[in-house]
N, C-alpha and C. Protein backbone atom coordinates (compact mmCIF):
# COMPACT_ATOMS: atom_id res chain seq x y z
N UNK A 1 67.97 49.62 116.44
CA UNK A 1 68.08 50.19 117.73
C UNK A 1 66.64 50.61 118.35
N UNK A 2 66.50 50.12 119.78
CA UNK A 2 65.03 50.38 120.06
C UNK A 2 64.92 51.73 120.91
N UNK A 3 64.09 52.43 120.94
CA UNK A 3 63.84 53.77 121.85
C UNK A 3 64.65 53.32 123.16
N UNK A 4 64.65 52.62 123.74
CA UNK A 4 64.96 52.27 125.39
C UNK A 4 66.81 52.44 125.09
N UNK A 5 67.30 51.77 123.63
CA UNK A 5 68.67 52.13 123.37
C UNK A 5 69.06 53.58 123.18
N UNK A 6 68.39 54.07 122.82
CA UNK A 6 68.65 55.50 122.03
C UNK A 6 68.29 56.54 123.00
N UNK A 7 67.58 56.09 124.08
CA UNK A 7 67.15 57.24 125.21
C UNK A 7 67.06 56.18 126.70
N UNK A 8 68.30 55.78 127.13
CA UNK A 8 68.51 54.78 128.10
C UNK A 8 67.53 55.46 129.25
N UNK A 9 67.44 56.64 129.53
CA UNK A 9 66.66 57.09 130.63
C UNK A 9 65.42 56.65 130.76
N UNK A 10 64.75 56.61 129.51
CA UNK A 10 63.17 56.37 129.32
C UNK A 10 62.89 55.35 130.21
N UNK A 11 63.62 54.30 131.00
CA UNK A 11 63.14 53.75 131.82
C UNK A 11 62.70 54.26 133.27
N UNK A 12 63.48 55.65 133.56
CA UNK A 12 62.75 56.13 134.68
C UNK A 12 61.84 57.31 134.67
N UNK A 13 61.30 57.66 133.35
CA UNK A 13 60.26 58.46 133.59
C UNK A 13 59.00 58.34 134.36
N UNK A 14 58.71 57.26 134.56
CA UNK A 14 57.38 56.93 135.58
C UNK A 14 57.92 57.40 136.84
N UNK A 15 58.96 57.25 137.35
CA UNK A 15 59.64 57.58 138.61
C UNK A 15 59.74 59.08 138.81
N UNK A 16 60.27 59.62 137.54
CA UNK A 16 60.53 61.48 137.68
C UNK A 16 59.02 61.86 137.13
N UNK A 17 58.25 61.23 137.32
CA UNK A 17 56.95 61.79 136.81
C UNK A 17 56.84 62.48 135.60
N UNK A 18 57.48 61.84 134.41
CA UNK A 18 57.59 62.41 133.13
C UNK A 18 58.56 63.52 132.83
N UNK A 19 59.30 63.89 134.01
CA UNK A 19 60.30 64.93 133.44
C UNK A 19 61.56 63.95 132.84
N UNK A 20 62.06 64.39 131.85
CA UNK A 20 63.20 63.96 131.08
C UNK A 20 64.34 64.29 131.57
N UNK A 21 64.26 65.42 132.21
CA UNK A 21 65.63 66.21 132.63
C UNK A 21 65.90 65.13 134.23
N UNK A 22 64.89 65.03 134.86
CA UNK A 22 65.53 64.47 136.22
C UNK A 22 65.63 62.99 135.81
N UNK A 23 65.00 62.37 134.74
CA UNK A 23 65.31 60.94 134.30
C UNK A 23 66.71 60.83 133.98
N UNK A 24 67.28 61.81 132.87
CA UNK A 24 68.69 62.07 132.73
C UNK A 24 69.56 61.82 133.66
N UNK A 25 69.00 62.67 134.77
CA UNK A 25 70.06 63.19 135.64
C UNK A 25 70.16 61.85 136.66
N UNK A 26 68.99 61.24 136.82
CA UNK A 26 68.89 59.70 137.43
C UNK A 26 69.65 58.89 136.86
N UNK A 27 69.51 58.55 135.62
CA UNK A 27 70.44 57.52 134.68
C UNK A 27 71.89 58.21 135.04
N UNK A 28 72.43 59.39 134.84
CA UNK A 28 73.72 59.51 135.06
C UNK A 28 74.23 59.20 136.41
N UNK A 29 73.26 59.45 137.36
CA UNK A 29 73.53 59.25 138.63
C UNK A 29 73.88 57.65 138.60
N UNK A 30 73.19 56.78 138.32
CA UNK A 30 73.27 55.45 138.16
C UNK A 30 74.08 54.76 137.38
N UNK A 31 74.85 55.67 136.42
CA UNK A 31 75.80 55.20 135.67
C UNK A 31 76.98 55.48 136.40
N UNK A 32 77.18 56.47 137.42
CA UNK A 32 78.39 56.65 138.20
C UNK A 32 78.36 55.84 139.23
N UNK A 33 77.28 55.46 139.74
CA UNK A 33 77.45 54.30 140.85
C UNK A 33 77.77 53.09 140.23
N UNK A 34 77.43 52.72 138.65
CA UNK A 34 77.85 51.64 138.40
C UNK A 34 79.35 51.42 137.89
N UNK A 35 79.87 52.70 137.93
CA UNK A 35 81.25 53.05 137.80
C UNK A 35 82.10 52.67 138.98
N UNK A 36 81.31 52.72 140.00
CA UNK A 36 81.96 52.42 141.25
C UNK A 36 82.46 53.27 142.37
N UNK A 37 81.75 54.69 142.19
CA UNK A 37 82.25 55.62 142.92
C UNK A 37 81.36 55.61 144.30
N UNK A 38 80.71 54.76 144.74
CA UNK A 38 79.83 54.39 146.19
C UNK A 38 80.18 53.15 146.58
N UNK A 39 81.02 52.14 145.93
CA UNK A 39 81.46 51.05 146.25
C UNK A 39 80.98 49.90 145.53
N UNK A 40 81.25 48.69 145.95
CA UNK A 40 80.74 47.55 145.24
C UNK A 40 79.27 46.89 145.38
N UNK A 41 78.67 46.99 146.56
CA UNK A 41 77.19 47.01 146.79
C UNK A 41 76.32 47.89 145.82
N UNK A 42 76.51 49.22 145.61
CA UNK A 42 75.71 49.97 144.80
C UNK A 42 76.34 49.89 143.55
N UNK A 43 77.21 49.52 143.04
CA UNK A 43 77.84 49.43 141.91
C UNK A 43 77.06 48.18 141.31
N UNK A 44 76.85 47.06 141.91
CA UNK A 44 76.05 45.92 141.51
C UNK A 44 74.64 46.17 141.41
N UNK A 45 74.14 47.19 142.40
CA UNK A 45 72.77 47.43 142.24
C UNK A 45 72.60 48.33 141.03
N UNK A 46 73.58 49.26 140.89
CA UNK A 46 73.23 50.17 139.47
C UNK A 46 73.19 49.20 138.43
N UNK A 47 74.22 48.44 138.03
CA UNK A 47 74.39 47.62 137.04
C UNK A 47 72.89 46.94 136.72
N UNK A 48 72.59 46.34 137.67
CA UNK A 48 71.28 45.41 137.56
C UNK A 48 70.25 46.39 137.09
N UNK A 49 70.08 47.65 137.57
CA UNK A 49 68.87 48.74 137.42
C UNK A 49 69.31 49.06 135.78
N UNK A 50 70.49 49.44 135.74
CA UNK A 50 70.57 50.06 134.18
C UNK A 50 70.52 48.79 133.03
N UNK A 51 70.71 47.44 133.33
CA UNK A 51 70.48 46.65 132.58
C UNK A 51 69.22 46.07 132.55
N UNK A 52 68.04 46.66 133.37
CA UNK A 52 66.88 45.88 133.30
C UNK A 52 66.28 44.99 133.84
N UNK A 53 67.52 44.17 134.87
CA UNK A 53 67.33 43.17 135.56
C UNK A 53 66.37 43.51 136.72
N UNK A 54 66.35 44.49 137.10
CA UNK A 54 65.63 45.15 138.62
C UNK A 54 64.94 46.36 137.91
N UNK A 55 64.36 47.11 138.87
CA UNK A 55 63.95 48.42 138.96
C UNK A 55 64.21 49.05 140.33
N UNK A 56 63.96 50.49 140.14
CA UNK A 56 64.46 51.12 141.35
C UNK A 56 63.13 50.75 142.67
N UNK A 57 62.02 50.49 142.07
CA UNK A 57 61.15 50.32 142.98
C UNK A 57 61.39 49.00 143.66
N UNK A 58 61.45 48.01 142.95
CA UNK A 58 62.09 46.73 143.62
C UNK A 58 63.48 46.58 144.50
N UNK A 59 64.17 47.56 144.16
CA UNK A 59 65.36 47.95 144.70
C UNK A 59 65.12 48.32 146.12
N UNK A 60 64.33 49.38 146.32
CA UNK A 60 63.93 50.01 147.46
C UNK A 60 63.28 49.03 148.35
N UNK A 61 62.37 48.17 147.87
CA UNK A 61 61.81 47.17 148.57
C UNK A 61 62.74 45.76 149.16
N UNK A 62 63.89 45.89 148.66
CA UNK A 62 64.73 44.54 148.63
C UNK A 62 65.45 44.87 149.98
N UNK A 63 65.54 43.41 150.31
CA UNK A 63 66.47 43.29 151.64
C UNK A 63 67.86 43.45 151.45
N UNK A 64 68.26 42.86 149.93
CA UNK A 64 69.41 42.83 149.55
C UNK A 64 70.35 44.29 149.37
N UNK A 65 69.77 45.28 149.21
CA UNK A 65 70.28 46.44 149.01
C UNK A 65 70.07 47.46 150.37
N UNK A 66 69.20 47.05 150.90
CA UNK A 66 68.62 47.83 152.05
C UNK A 66 69.49 48.80 152.92
N UNK A 67 70.70 47.76 153.45
CA UNK A 67 71.73 48.19 154.19
C UNK A 67 72.46 49.25 153.78
N UNK A 68 73.02 48.91 152.39
CA UNK A 68 73.86 49.89 151.69
C UNK A 68 73.21 51.35 151.25
N UNK A 69 71.75 51.33 150.96
CA UNK A 69 71.21 52.26 150.30
C UNK A 69 70.94 53.33 151.82
N UNK A 70 70.47 52.55 152.90
CA UNK A 70 69.70 53.37 154.01
C UNK A 70 71.46 53.67 154.61
N UNK A 71 72.38 53.12 154.59
CA UNK A 71 74.03 53.73 154.93
C UNK A 71 73.95 55.02 154.38
N UNK A 72 74.00 54.87 153.02
CA UNK A 72 74.06 56.07 152.16
C UNK A 72 73.62 57.25 152.26
N UNK A 73 71.82 57.00 152.56
CA UNK A 73 71.05 57.95 152.93
C UNK A 73 71.34 58.57 154.33
N UNK A 74 71.95 57.75 155.14
CA UNK A 74 72.27 58.60 156.41
C UNK A 74 73.19 59.49 156.11
N UNK A 75 74.43 59.00 155.55
CA UNK A 75 75.46 59.56 155.10
C UNK A 75 74.93 61.07 154.55
N UNK A 76 74.17 61.10 153.49
CA UNK A 76 73.72 62.06 152.90
C UNK A 76 72.91 63.01 153.93
N UNK A 77 72.27 62.62 154.49
CA UNK A 77 71.23 63.36 155.54
C UNK A 77 72.33 64.02 156.46
N UNK A 78 73.06 63.22 156.87
CA UNK A 78 74.27 64.10 157.79
C UNK A 78 74.86 65.26 157.22
N UNK A 79 75.39 65.00 156.03
CA UNK A 79 75.94 66.24 154.89
C UNK A 79 74.89 67.03 154.65
N UNK A 80 73.75 67.05 154.50
CA UNK A 80 72.45 67.92 154.18
C UNK A 80 72.36 68.63 155.56
N UNK A 81 72.30 68.20 156.56
CA UNK A 81 72.07 68.99 157.77
C UNK A 81 73.20 69.83 158.13
N UNK A 82 74.61 69.53 157.74
CA UNK A 82 75.69 70.45 158.12
C UNK A 82 75.75 71.40 157.42
N UNK A 83 74.87 71.46 156.23
CA UNK A 83 74.71 72.95 155.35
C UNK A 83 74.19 73.86 155.93
N UNK A 84 74.74 75.20 155.54
CA UNK A 84 73.73 76.21 156.25
C UNK A 84 72.88 76.71 155.17
N UNK A 85 71.94 77.20 155.54
CA UNK A 85 70.31 77.43 154.83
C UNK A 85 70.69 78.11 153.58
N UNK A 86 71.92 79.01 153.23
CA UNK A 86 71.95 79.77 151.90
C UNK A 86 72.43 78.69 151.09
N UNK A 87 73.39 77.70 151.75
CA UNK A 87 74.38 76.93 150.82
C UNK A 87 73.19 75.56 150.16
N UNK A 88 72.25 75.35 151.00
CA UNK A 88 71.22 74.32 150.67
C UNK A 88 70.33 74.97 149.57
N UNK A 89 69.85 76.10 149.81
CA UNK A 89 68.96 76.82 149.04
C UNK A 89 69.89 76.91 147.43
N UNK A 90 71.10 77.09 147.70
CA UNK A 90 71.98 77.70 146.33
C UNK A 90 71.81 75.78 145.72
N UNK A 91 72.24 74.84 146.15
CA UNK A 91 72.47 73.44 145.80
C UNK A 91 71.10 73.04 145.15
N UNK A 92 70.11 73.16 145.91
CA UNK A 92 68.61 72.96 145.48
C UNK A 92 68.19 73.65 143.89
N UNK A 93 68.51 75.10 143.98
CA UNK A 93 68.42 75.79 142.73
C UNK A 93 69.27 75.44 141.71
N UNK A 94 70.36 75.22 142.04
CA UNK A 94 71.50 74.54 140.75
C UNK A 94 70.90 72.92 140.38
N UNK A 95 70.47 72.23 141.26
CA UNK A 95 69.88 70.88 140.73
C UNK A 95 68.81 71.25 140.07
N UNK A 96 67.61 72.41 140.58
CA UNK A 96 66.52 72.26 139.74
C UNK A 96 66.80 72.98 138.41
N UNK A 97 67.84 73.88 138.18
CA UNK A 97 68.20 74.24 137.02
C UNK A 97 68.72 73.13 136.03
N UNK A 98 69.57 72.43 136.62
CA UNK A 98 70.12 71.27 135.78
C UNK A 98 69.07 70.55 135.27
N UNK A 99 67.97 70.12 136.07
CA UNK A 99 66.98 69.36 135.55
C UNK A 99 66.00 69.87 134.57
N UNK A 100 65.83 71.13 134.62
CA UNK A 100 65.18 71.91 133.66
C UNK A 100 65.97 72.23 132.43
N UNK A 101 67.29 72.21 132.60
CA UNK A 101 68.13 72.43 131.20
C UNK A 101 68.18 70.98 130.49
N UNK A 102 68.16 70.02 131.23
CA UNK A 102 68.01 68.65 130.60
C UNK A 102 66.77 68.49 129.96
N UNK A 103 65.59 69.18 130.63
CA UNK A 103 64.18 68.85 130.03
C UNK A 103 63.97 69.83 128.62
N UNK A 104 64.78 71.01 128.57
CA UNK A 104 64.73 71.77 127.61
C UNK A 104 65.41 71.11 126.39
N UNK A 105 66.50 70.25 126.67
CA UNK A 105 67.39 69.84 125.50
C UNK A 105 66.38 68.72 124.87
N UNK A 106 65.80 67.84 125.89
CA UNK A 106 65.07 66.87 125.14
C UNK A 106 64.15 67.35 123.97
């Protein structure tokens, strides 16, 4: 078994600037997309990234997924803008704590 197999998030360490916690969260998020939570387009994208057929930098520069990613980004931005400042701060703190928790378990 390779290191990639035992630590699937390893491929994301460069994107997360070496943070194992963020890499694990990114991997888990892509796994959810692969399972279809955001539709067929992003499911296919996540499958390709997790299988190593492409990486997130290539995807970001790709016209093939650009529309789907931009649409989801706009939805997220609208949702985030609707949050009151206290809720936004609480969610940011939870995300930071979750990433730090993953880092400490690594």
